[in-house]
């Protein structure tokens, strides 16, 4: 891998395998996190929105305040969940 490739941002939409690698979790852990509502499931077919997953994890870890979550990030998560349901 070149230095340039290493600096590239991951794709916004990821398949299940890419999301597992991005989060560093197994298939069963990914499924459990989705079922428990920790992260949103796939939003476009079988693709996960990396930004929606990052926003959910930021809120869970306290990196994003409730005020920030009440803005666009919360709406993004809700739209992502609506696609799954």
C-alpha atoms as a PDB file:
ATOM      1  CA  UNK A   1       0.000   0.000   0.000  1.00  0.00           C
ATOM      2  CA  UNK A   2       1.321   3.409  -0.895  1.00  0.00           C
ATOM      3  CA  UNK A   3       1.392   6.340   1.510  1.00  0.00           C
ATOM      4  CA  UNK A   4      -1.263   8.048  -0.588  1.00  0.00           C
ATOM      5  CA  UNK A   5      -3.587   5.036  -0.360  1.00  0.00           C
ATOM      6  CA  UNK A   6      -3.067   4.860   3.404  1.00  0.00           C
ATOM      7  CA  UNK A   7      -4.244   8.469   3.777  1.00  0.00           C
ATOM      8  CA  UNK A   8      -7.410   7.968   1.746  1.00  0.00           C
ATOM      9  CA  UNK A   9     -10.670   8.196   3.638  1.00  0.00           C
ATOM     10  CA  UNK A  10     -12.703   4.957   3.737  1.00  0.00           C
ATOM     11  CA  UNK A  11     -15.720   4.855   1.421  1.00  0.00           C
ATOM     12  CA  UNK A  12     -18.942   6.366   2.751  1.00  0.00           C
ATOM     13  CA  UNK A  13     -21.002   3.279   1.890  1.00  0.00           C
ATOM     14  CA  UNK A  14     -19.599  -0.067   2.989  1.00  0.00           C
ATOM     15  CA  UNK A  15     -20.745  -3.645   2.597  1.00  0.00           C
ATOM     16  CA  UNK A  16     -20.979  -5.922   5.638  1.00  0.00           C
ATOM     17  CA  UNK A  17     -17.412  -7.229   5.341  1.00  0.00           C
ATOM     18  CA  UNK A  18     -15.986  -3.720   4.966  1.00  0.00           C
ATOM     19  CA  UNK A  19     -17.961  -2.496   7.990  1.00  0.00           C
ATOM     20  CA  UNK A  20     -16.774  -5.453  10.088  1.00  0.00           C
ATOM     21  CA  UNK A  21     -13.172  -4.637   9.149  1.00  0.00           C
ATOM     22  CA  UNK A  22     -13.697  -0.904   9.754  1.00  0.00           C
ATOM     23  CA  UNK A  23     -15.091  -1.548  13.247  1.00  0.00           C
ATOM     24  CA  UNK A  24     -12.771  -4.479  13.971  1.00  0.00           C
ATOM     25  CA  UNK A  25     -15.626  -6.781  14.976  1.00  0.00           C
ATOM     26  CA  UNK A  26     -16.977 -10.179  14.001  1.00  0.00           C
ATOM     27  CA  UNK A  27     -20.171 -10.805  12.076  1.00  0.00           C
ATOM     28  CA  UNK A  28     -22.024 -11.793  15.247  1.00  0.00           C
ATOM     29  CA  UNK A  29     -20.880  -8.649  17.089  1.00  0.00           C
ATOM     30  CA  UNK A  30     -21.956  -6.440  14.184  1.00  0.00           C
ATOM     31  CA  UNK A  31     -25.379  -8.109  14.134  1.00  0.00           C
ATOM     32  CA  UNK A  32     -25.724  -7.706  17.912  1.00  0.00           C
ATOM     33  CA  UNK A  33     -24.762  -4.019  17.830  1.00  0.00           C
ATOM     34  CA  UNK A  34     -27.395  -3.414  15.135  1.00  0.00           C
ATOM     35  CA  UNK A  35     -30.070  -5.408  16.997  1.00  0.00           C
ATOM     36  CA  UNK A  36     -29.271  -3.579  20.253  1.00  0.00           C
ATOM     37  CA  UNK A  37     -29.525  -0.203  18.492  1.00  0.00           C
ATOM     38  CA  UNK A  38     -25.897   0.775  19.068  1.00  0.00           C
ATOM     39  CA  UNK A  39     -25.354   1.384  15.341  1.00  0.00           C
ATOM     40  CA  UNK A  40     -27.731   1.684  12.394  1.00  0.00           C
ATOM     41  CA  UNK A  41     -28.053  -1.213   9.982  1.00  0.00           C
ATOM     42  CA  UNK A  42     -27.658  -1.045   6.214  1.00  0.00           C
ATOM     43  CA  UNK A  43     -29.343   1.945   4.599  1.00  0.00           C
ATOM     44  CA  UNK A  44     -28.862   1.425   0.869  1.00  0.00           C
ATOM     45  CA  UNK A  45     -29.533  -2.181  -0.059  1.00  0.00           C
ATOM     46  CA  UNK A  46     -26.898  -4.020   1.932  1.00  0.00           C
ATOM     47  CA  UNK A  47     -24.631  -0.985   2.368  1.00  0.00           C
ATOM     48  CA  UNK A  48     -23.860   0.720   5.668  1.00  0.00           C
ATOM     49  CA  UNK A  49     -23.439   4.490   5.885  1.00  0.00           C
ATOM     50  CA  UNK A  50     -20.060   4.932   7.569  1.00  0.00           C
ATOM     51  CA  UNK A  51     -20.892   8.460   8.721  1.00  0.00           C
ATOM     52  CA  UNK A  52     -24.128   7.307  10.376  1.00  0.00           C
ATOM     53  CA  UNK A  53     -22.244   4.529  12.163  1.00  0.00           C
ATOM     54  CA  UNK A  54     -19.508   6.963  13.237  1.00  0.00           C
ATOM     55  CA  UNK A  55     -22.127   9.435  14.520  1.00  0.00           C
ATOM     56  CA  UNK A  56     -23.868   6.704  16.536  1.00  0.00           C
ATOM     57  CA  UNK A  57     -20.574   5.621  18.086  1.00  0.00           C
ATOM     58  CA  UNK A  58     -19.621   9.241  18.810  1.00  0.00           C
ATOM     59  CA  UNK A  59     -22.874   9.733  20.705  1.00  0.00           C
ATOM     60  CA  UNK A  60     -22.481   6.452  22.591  1.00  0.00           C
ATOM     61  CA  UNK A  61     -18.950   7.366  23.663  1.00  0.00           C
ATOM     62  CA  UNK A  62     -19.868  10.916  24.640  1.00  0.00           C
ATOM     63  CA  UNK A  63     -17.783  12.535  21.894  1.00  0.00           C
ATOM     64  CA  UNK A  64     -20.878  14.260  20.502  1.00  0.00           C
ATOM     65  CA  UNK A  65     -23.011  16.365  22.801  1.00  0.00           C
ATOM     66  CA  UNK A  66     -26.779  16.047  22.965  1.00  0.00           C
ATOM     67  CA  UNK A  67     -27.032  19.465  21.325  1.00  0.00           C
ATOM     68  CA  UNK A  68     -25.041  18.290  18.315  1.00  0.00           C
ATOM     69  CA  UNK A  69     -26.995  15.045  18.176  1.00  0.00           C
ATOM     70  CA  UNK A  70     -30.225  17.036  18.072  1.00  0.00           C
ATOM     71  CA  UNK A  71     -29.131  18.562  14.782  1.00  0.00           C
ATOM     72  CA  UNK A  72     -28.275  16.810  11.538  1.00  0.00           C
ATOM     73  CA  UNK A  73     -26.610  13.780  13.059  1.00  0.00           C
ATOM     74  CA  UNK A  74     -29.740  12.628  14.846  1.00  0.00           C
ATOM     75  CA  UNK A  75     -31.792  13.100  11.689  1.00  0.00           C
ATOM     76  CA  UNK A  76     -29.227  11.094   9.732  1.00  0.00           C
ATOM     77  CA  UNK A  77     -29.435   8.186  12.170  1.00  0.00           C
ATOM     78  CA  UNK A  78     -33.232   8.223  12.137  1.00  0.00           C
ATOM     79  CA  UNK A  79     -33.311   8.197   8.324  1.00  0.00           C
ATOM     80  CA  UNK A  80     -30.843   5.316   8.322  1.00  0.00           C
ATOM     81  CA  UNK A  81     -32.981   3.333  10.754  1.00  0.00           C
ATOM     82  CA  UNK A  82     -36.117   4.034   8.702  1.00  0.00           C
ATOM     83  CA  UNK A  83     -34.467   2.448   5.662  1.00  0.00           C
ATOM     84  CA  UNK A  84     -33.748  -0.710   7.630  1.00  0.00           C
ATOM     85  CA  UNK A  85     -37.289  -1.055   9.035  1.00  0.00           C
END
